[in-house]
C-alpha atoms as a PDB file:
ATOM      1  CA  MET A   1     -30.529 -21.003  32.144  1.00  0.00           C
ATOM      2  CA  LEU A   2     -28.099 -18.829  30.220  1.00  0.00           C
ATOM      3  CA  PRO A   3     -25.357 -20.379  28.011  1.00  0.00           C
ATOM      4  CA  ASP A   4     -21.794 -19.867  29.338  1.00  0.00           C
ATOM      5  CA  LEU A   5     -20.955 -16.988  26.969  1.00  0.00           C
ATOM      6  CA  GLU A   6     -24.195 -15.145  27.706  1.00  0.00           C
ATOM      7  CA  LYS A   7     -23.783 -15.888  31.417  1.00  0.00           C
ATOM      8  CA  ASP A   8     -20.331 -14.242  31.337  1.00  0.00           C
ATOM      9  CA  HIS A   9     -21.734 -11.124  29.630  1.00  0.00           C
ATOM     10  CA  TYR A  10     -24.710 -11.058  31.968  1.00  0.00           C
ATOM     11  CA  THR A  11     -22.430 -11.422  34.986  1.00  0.00           C
ATOM     12  CA  THR A  12     -20.183  -8.675  33.657  1.00  0.00           C
ATOM     13  CA  ALA A  13     -23.142  -6.342  33.012  1.00  0.00           C
ATOM     14  CA  VAL A  14     -24.435  -6.860  36.550  1.00  0.00           C
ATOM     15  CA  ALA A  15     -20.942  -6.285  38.007  1.00  0.00           C
ATOM     16  CA  ILE A  16     -20.579  -3.040  36.052  1.00  0.00           C
ATOM     17  CA  LYS A  17     -24.017  -1.777  37.095  1.00  0.00           C
ATOM     18  CA  GLU A  18     -23.145  -2.510  40.673  1.00  0.00           C
ATOM     19  CA  ARG A  19     -19.907  -0.609  40.419  1.00  0.00           C
ATOM     20  CA  THR A  20     -20.242   3.104  39.826  1.00  0.00           C
ATOM     21  CA  GLU A  21     -17.918   4.900  37.492  1.00  0.00           C
ATOM     22  CA  HIS A  22     -16.146   6.360  40.516  1.00  0.00           C
ATOM     23  CA  GLN A  23     -15.596   2.872  41.939  1.00  0.00           C
ATOM     24  CA  LEU A  24     -14.431   1.601  38.548  1.00  0.00           C
ATOM     25  CA  VAL A  25     -11.910   4.428  38.236  1.00  0.00           C
ATOM     26  CA  ARG A  26     -10.632   3.764  41.765  1.00  0.00           C
ATOM     27  CA  ALA A  27     -10.266   0.042  41.002  1.00  0.00           C
ATOM     28  CA  LEU A  28      -8.498   0.821  37.720  1.00  0.00           C
ATOM     29  CA  ARG A  29      -6.029   3.130  39.501  1.00  0.00           C
ATOM     30  CA  ALA A  30      -5.377   0.257  41.954  1.00  0.00           C
ATOM     31  CA  GLN A  31      -4.595  -1.951  38.914  1.00  0.00           C
ATOM     32  CA  GLU A  32      -7.259  -4.513  39.818  1.00  0.00           C
ATOM     33  CA  GLU A  33      -7.390  -7.129  37.081  1.00  0.00           C
ATOM     34  CA  SER A  34     -11.183  -7.515  37.303  1.00  0.00           C
ATOM     35  CA  ALA A  35     -11.576  -3.779  36.807  1.00  0.00           C
ATOM     36  CA  TRP A  36      -9.570  -3.866  33.579  1.00  0.00           C
ATOM     37  CA  ARG A  37     -11.632  -6.818  32.344  1.00  0.00           C
ATOM     38  CA  ASN A  38     -14.865  -4.989  33.232  1.00  0.00           C
ATOM     39  CA  LEU A  39     -13.648  -1.845  31.499  1.00  0.00           C
ATOM     40  CA  TYR A  40     -12.843  -3.772  28.331  1.00  0.00           C
ATOM     41  CA  GLU A  41     -16.090  -5.738  28.255  1.00  0.00           C
ATOM     42  CA  ALA A  42     -18.190  -2.651  28.968  1.00  0.00           C
ATOM     43  CA  TYR A  43     -16.554  -0.213  26.531  1.00  0.00           C
ATOM     44  CA  ALA A  44     -14.829  -2.229  23.778  1.00  0.00           C
ATOM     45  CA  PRO A  45     -17.966  -2.558  21.580  1.00  0.00           C
ATOM     46  CA  ALA A  46     -18.649   1.188  21.625  1.00  0.00           C
ATOM     47  CA  LEU A  47     -14.979   2.052  21.015  1.00  0.00           C
ATOM     48  CA  TYR A  48     -14.804  -0.477  18.204  1.00  0.00           C
ATOM     49  CA  GLY A  49     -17.837   1.103  16.572  1.00  0.00           C
ATOM     50  CA  VAL A  50     -16.303   4.563  16.678  1.00  0.00           C
ATOM     51  CA  ILE A  51     -12.991   3.288  15.277  1.00  0.00           C
ATOM     52  CA  LEU A  52     -14.725   1.259  12.556  1.00  0.00           C
ATOM     53  CA  ARG A  53     -16.699   4.270  11.355  1.00  0.00           C
ATOM     54  CA  ILE A  54     -13.424   6.155  10.876  1.00  0.00           C
ATOM     55  CA  VAL A  55     -11.153   3.492   9.342  1.00  0.00           C
ATOM     56  CA  LYS A  56     -13.834   1.460   7.523  1.00  0.00           C
ATOM     57  CA  GLY A  57     -11.998  -1.836   7.854  1.00  0.00           C
ATOM     58  CA  GLU A  58     -12.654  -4.511  10.447  1.00  0.00           C
ATOM     59  CA  ALA A  59      -9.116  -5.870  10.749  1.00  0.00           C
ATOM     60  CA  LEU A  60      -7.660  -2.386  11.076  1.00  0.00           C
ATOM     61  CA  ALA A  61     -10.354  -1.388  13.569  1.00  0.00           C
ATOM     62  CA  GLU A  62      -9.506  -4.427  15.740  1.00  0.00           C
ATOM     63  CA  GLU A  63      -5.832  -3.527  15.617  1.00  0.00           C
ATOM     64  CA  ILE A  64      -6.529   0.093  16.615  1.00  0.00           C
ATOM     65  CA  LEU A  65      -8.832  -1.126  19.404  1.00  0.00           C
ATOM     66  CA  GLN A  66      -5.938  -3.137  20.864  1.00  0.00           C
ATOM     67  CA  GLU A  67      -3.687  -0.052  20.589  1.00  0.00           C
ATOM     68  CA  CYS A  68      -6.440   1.962  22.246  1.00  0.00           C
ATOM     69  CA  PHE A  69      -6.665  -0.265  25.317  1.00  0.00           C
ATOM     70  CA  LEU A  70      -2.871  -0.383  25.569  1.00  0.00           C
ATOM     71  CA  LYS A  71      -2.801   3.414  25.527  1.00  0.00           C
ATOM     72  CA  ILE A  72      -5.626   3.570  28.086  1.00  0.00           C
ATOM     73  CA  TRP A  73      -3.673   1.186  30.342  1.00  0.00           C
ATOM     74  CA  GLN A  74      -0.416   3.162  29.938  1.00  0.00           C
ATOM     75  CA  SER A  75      -1.941   6.594  30.442  1.00  0.00           C
ATOM     76  CA  PHE A  76      -4.759   5.945  32.869  1.00  0.00           C
ATOM     77  CA  GLY A  77      -2.988   8.023  35.487  1.00  0.00           C
ATOM     78  CA  GLN A  78      -3.690  11.074  33.302  1.00  0.00           C
ATOM     79  CA  TYR A  79      -7.452  10.575  33.448  1.00  0.00           C
ATOM     80  CA  ASP A  80      -9.055  13.337  35.505  1.00  0.00           C
ATOM     81  CA  PRO A  81     -12.720  12.721  36.452  1.00  0.00           C
ATOM     82  CA  ALA A  82     -13.106  16.476  37.103  1.00  0.00           C
ATOM     83  CA  ARG A  83     -12.524  17.167  33.388  1.00  0.00           C
ATOM     84  CA  GLY A  84     -15.098  14.699  32.045  1.00  0.00           C
ATOM     85  CA  LYS A  85     -16.666  11.274  32.186  1.00  0.00           C
ATOM     86  CA  LEU A  86     -14.597   8.167  31.712  1.00  0.00           C
ATOM     87  CA  PHE A  87     -16.511   7.190  28.556  1.00  0.00           C
ATOM     88  CA  THR A  88     -15.756  10.575  26.949  1.00  0.00           C
ATOM     89  CA  TRP A  89     -12.060  10.184  27.739  1.00  0.00           C
ATOM     90  CA  LEU A  90     -12.021   6.645  26.269  1.00  0.00           C
ATOM     91  CA  ILE A  91     -13.876   7.740  23.103  1.00  0.00           C
ATOM     92  CA  ASN A  92     -11.408  10.573  22.567  1.00  0.00           C
ATOM     93  CA  ILE A  93      -8.457   8.188  22.799  1.00  0.00           C
ATOM     94  CA  ALA A  94     -10.074   5.788  20.316  1.00  0.00           C
ATOM     95  CA  ARG A  95     -11.036   8.558  17.940  1.00  0.00           C
ATOM     96  CA  HIS A  96      -7.608  10.176  17.978  1.00  0.00           C
ATOM     97  CA  LEU A  97      -5.824   6.868  17.356  1.00  0.00           C
ATOM     98  CA  ALA A  98      -8.136   6.078  14.420  1.00  0.00           C
ATOM     99  CA  ILE A  99      -7.662   9.525  12.878  1.00  0.00           C
ATOM    100  CA  ASP A 100      -3.881   9.359  13.385  1.00  0.00           C
ATOM    101  CA  LYS A 101      -3.902   6.022  11.591  1.00  0.00           C
ATOM    102  CA  ILE A 102      -5.825   7.174   8.535  1.00  0.00           C
ATOM    103  CA  ARG A 103      -3.578  10.241   8.287  1.00  0.00           C
ATOM    104  CA  SER A 104      -0.390   8.191   8.649  1.00  0.00           C
ATOM    105  CA  ARG A 105       1.942   7.825   5.727  1.00  0.00           C
ATOM    106  CA  SER A 106       1.885   4.018   5.930  1.00  0.00           C
ATOM    107  CA  TYR A 107      -1.925   3.941   5.756  1.00  0.00           C
ATOM    108  CA  LEU A 108      -2.020   6.299   2.784  1.00  0.00           C
ATOM    109  CA  GLU A 109       0.675   4.281   0.982  1.00  0.00           C
ATOM    110  CA  ASP A 110      -1.240   1.058   1.664  1.00  0.00           C
ATOM    111  CA  LEU A 111      -4.315   2.612   0.058  1.00  0.00           C
ATOM    112  CA  ARG A 112      -2.381   3.924  -2.898  1.00  0.00           C
ATOM    113  CA  THR A 113      -0.517   0.692  -3.568  1.00  0.00           C
ATOM    114  CA  GLN A 114      -3.508  -1.602  -3.062  1.00  0.00           C
ATOM    115  CA  LYS A 115      -3.678  -4.177  -5.797  1.00  0.00           C
ATOM    116  CA  ILE A 116      -6.575  -3.830  -8.201  1.00  0.00           C
ATOM    117  CA  GLU A 117      -8.067  -7.144  -7.026  1.00  0.00           C
ATOM    118  CA  THR A 118      -8.382  -5.808  -3.467  1.00  0.00           C
ATOM    119  CA  SER A 119      -9.466  -2.306  -4.334  1.00  0.00           C
ATOM    120  CA  HIS A 120     -13.059  -1.115  -4.267  1.00  0.00           C
ATOM    121  CA  TRP A 121     -13.862  -1.736  -7.941  1.00  0.00           C
ATOM    122  CA  PRO A 122     -16.965  -3.851  -8.430  1.00  0.00           C
ATOM    123  CA  VAL A 123     -16.555  -7.392  -9.710  1.00  0.00           C
ATOM    124  CA  GLY A 124     -16.561  -7.437 -13.502  1.00  0.00           C
ATOM    125  CA  TYR A 125     -15.745  -3.712 -13.741  1.00  0.00           C
ATOM    126  CA  PRO A 126     -15.539  -3.005 -17.475  1.00  0.00           C
ATOM    127  CA  GLY A 127     -12.946  -0.228 -17.082  1.00  0.00           C
ATOM    128  CA  PHE A 128      -9.401  -0.078 -18.427  1.00  0.00           C
ATOM    129  CA  GLN A 129      -7.866  -3.514 -18.672  1.00  0.00           C
ATOM    130  CA  PRO A 130      -4.413  -3.363 -20.267  1.00  0.00           C
ATOM    131  CA  GLU A 131      -4.243  -7.105 -20.955  1.00  0.00           C
ATOM    132  CA  HIS A 132      -7.205  -6.821 -23.353  1.00  0.00           C
ATOM    133  CA  MET A 133      -5.184  -4.508 -25.560  1.00  0.00           C
ATOM    134  CA  GLY A 134      -1.948  -6.444 -25.214  1.00  0.00           C
ATOM    135  CA  LEU A 135      -0.356  -3.515 -23.405  1.00  0.00           C
ATOM    136  CA  ARG A 136       1.174  -5.708 -20.726  1.00  0.00           C
ATOM    137  CA  LYS A 137       3.127  -7.625 -23.398  1.00  0.00           C
ATOM    138  CA  LEU A 138       4.268  -4.385 -24.968  1.00  0.00           C
ATOM    139  CA  VAL A 139       5.381  -2.925 -21.640  1.00  0.00           C
ATOM    140  CA  ASP A 140       7.305  -6.124 -20.910  1.00  0.00           C
ATOM    141  CA  GLN A 141       9.461  -5.359 -24.001  1.00  0.00           C
ATOM    142  CA  LEU A 142      10.746  -2.121 -22.400  1.00  0.00           C
ATOM    143  CA  ALA A 143      14.064  -1.848 -20.622  1.00  0.00           C
ATOM    144  CA  PRO A 144      13.668  -2.633 -16.883  1.00  0.00           C
ATOM    145  CA  SER A 145      14.318   1.009 -15.903  1.00  0.00           C
ATOM    146  CA  GLN A 146      11.557   2.181 -18.236  1.00  0.00           C
ATOM    147  CA  ARG A 147       9.171  -0.667 -17.394  1.00  0.00           C
ATOM    148  CA  ILE A 148       9.175   0.119 -13.660  1.00  0.00           C
ATOM    149  CA  VAL A 149       8.363   3.791 -14.332  1.00  0.00           C
ATOM    150  CA  ILE A 150       5.480   2.874 -16.663  1.00  0.00           C
ATOM    151  CA  ASP A 151       4.182   0.191 -14.270  1.00  0.00           C
ATOM    152  CA  LEU A 152       4.147   2.609 -11.343  1.00  0.00           C
ATOM    153  CA  MET A 153       2.748   5.495 -13.358  1.00  0.00           C
ATOM    154  CA  TYR A 154       0.011   3.808 -15.391  1.00  0.00           C
ATOM    155  CA  PHE A 155      -0.786   0.564 -13.599  1.00  0.00           C
ATOM    156  CA  GLU A 156      -0.260   1.628  -9.953  1.00  0.00           C
ATOM    157  CA  GLY A 157      -1.374   5.264 -10.176  1.00  0.00           C
ATOM    158  CA  TYR A 158       1.784   6.925  -8.896  1.00  0.00           C
ATOM    159  CA  THR A 159       2.629  10.499  -9.872  1.00  0.00           C
ATOM    160  CA  GLN A 160       6.016  11.260 -11.343  1.00  0.00           C
ATOM    161  CA  SER A 161       7.097  12.882  -8.085  1.00  0.00           C
ATOM    162  CA  GLU A 162       6.032   9.801  -6.104  1.00  0.00           C
ATOM    163  CA  ILE A 163       7.943   7.548  -8.498  1.00  0.00           C
ATOM    164  CA  ALA A 164      11.081   9.668  -8.061  1.00  0.00           C
ATOM    165  CA  GLN A 165      10.716   9.391  -4.299  1.00  0.00           C
ATOM    166  CA  GLU A 166       9.923   5.663  -4.362  1.00  0.00           C
ATOM    167  CA  LEU A 167      12.871   4.801  -6.660  1.00  0.00           C
ATOM    168  CA  ALA A 168      15.189   7.381  -5.092  1.00  0.00           C
ATOM    169  CA  ILE A 169      16.018   8.945  -8.468  1.00  0.00           C
ATOM    170  CA  PRO A 170      15.760  12.550  -9.700  1.00  0.00           C
ATOM    171  CA  LEU A 171      12.402  13.713 -11.021  1.00  0.00           C
ATOM    172  CA  GLY A 172      14.031  14.604 -14.372  1.00  0.00           C
ATOM    173  CA  THR A 173      15.194  11.005 -14.761  1.00  0.00           C
ATOM    174  CA  VAL A 174      11.644   9.763 -14.170  1.00  0.00           C
ATOM    175  CA  LYS A 175      10.293  12.175 -16.808  1.00  0.00           C
ATOM    176  CA  THR A 176      12.972  11.174 -19.333  1.00  0.00           C
ATOM    177  CA  ARG A 177      12.364   7.448 -18.789  1.00  0.00           C
ATOM    178  CA  ALA A 178       8.600   7.890 -19.079  1.00  0.00           C
ATOM    179  CA  ARG A 179       8.882   9.972 -22.274  1.00  0.00           C
ATOM    180  CA  SER A 180      11.305   7.554 -23.942  1.00  0.00           C
ATOM    181  CA  ALA A 181       9.193   4.548 -22.894  1.00  0.00           C
ATOM    182  CA  LEU A 182       6.021   6.109 -24.335  1.00  0.00           C
ATOM    183  CA  GLN A 183       7.825   6.892 -27.605  1.00  0.00           C
ATOM    184  CA  LEU A 184       8.974   3.277 -27.855  1.00  0.00           C
ATOM    185  CA  LEU A 185       5.493   1.975 -27.000  1.00  0.00           C
ATOM    186  CA  ARG A 186       4.032   4.127 -29.828  1.00  0.00           C
ATOM    187  CA  LYS A 187       6.470   2.571 -32.258  1.00  0.00           C
ATOM    188  CA  LEU A 188       5.659  -0.956 -31.013  1.00  0.00           C
ATOM    189  CA  MET A 189       1.903  -0.426 -31.438  1.00  0.00           C
END
């Protein structure tokens, strides 16, 4: 006897095998709830795998998978069996959503502003650690306008142009604050 969870998957697999793709498409167009459930259970693992390979993060892949099925539900009327198989159409939707996400400004900013603790550095990475040199204490002595520029530039990895955009100040102001802050830090060292 199969456990309940396995029984549900087994029952679903049998139901999908019994229903041809043509019948599934017809049932989906008729908005049958069981057809949508069958579609999700049959294709979600494959779509998730494609998305995960692109975004390389489980939580983000799950979020995009939800967006994917929402888009499938909203645009199913556009699916044309004469142009390709259902699976191909589903994979293209998943793939395009994942690629759009990793090219999005918010995703790129999230990557760029990731804290060091959550970045991909190995545990115990012996690289640059400003607290070992007392730099953090020195930077804390700067004026707030200089400190934010130095923090963003040296500790967060922003370029001067990105700092200007982030703080909504002219690029020349960023350069002046960085230069004067570095001069002061040299004196303090």
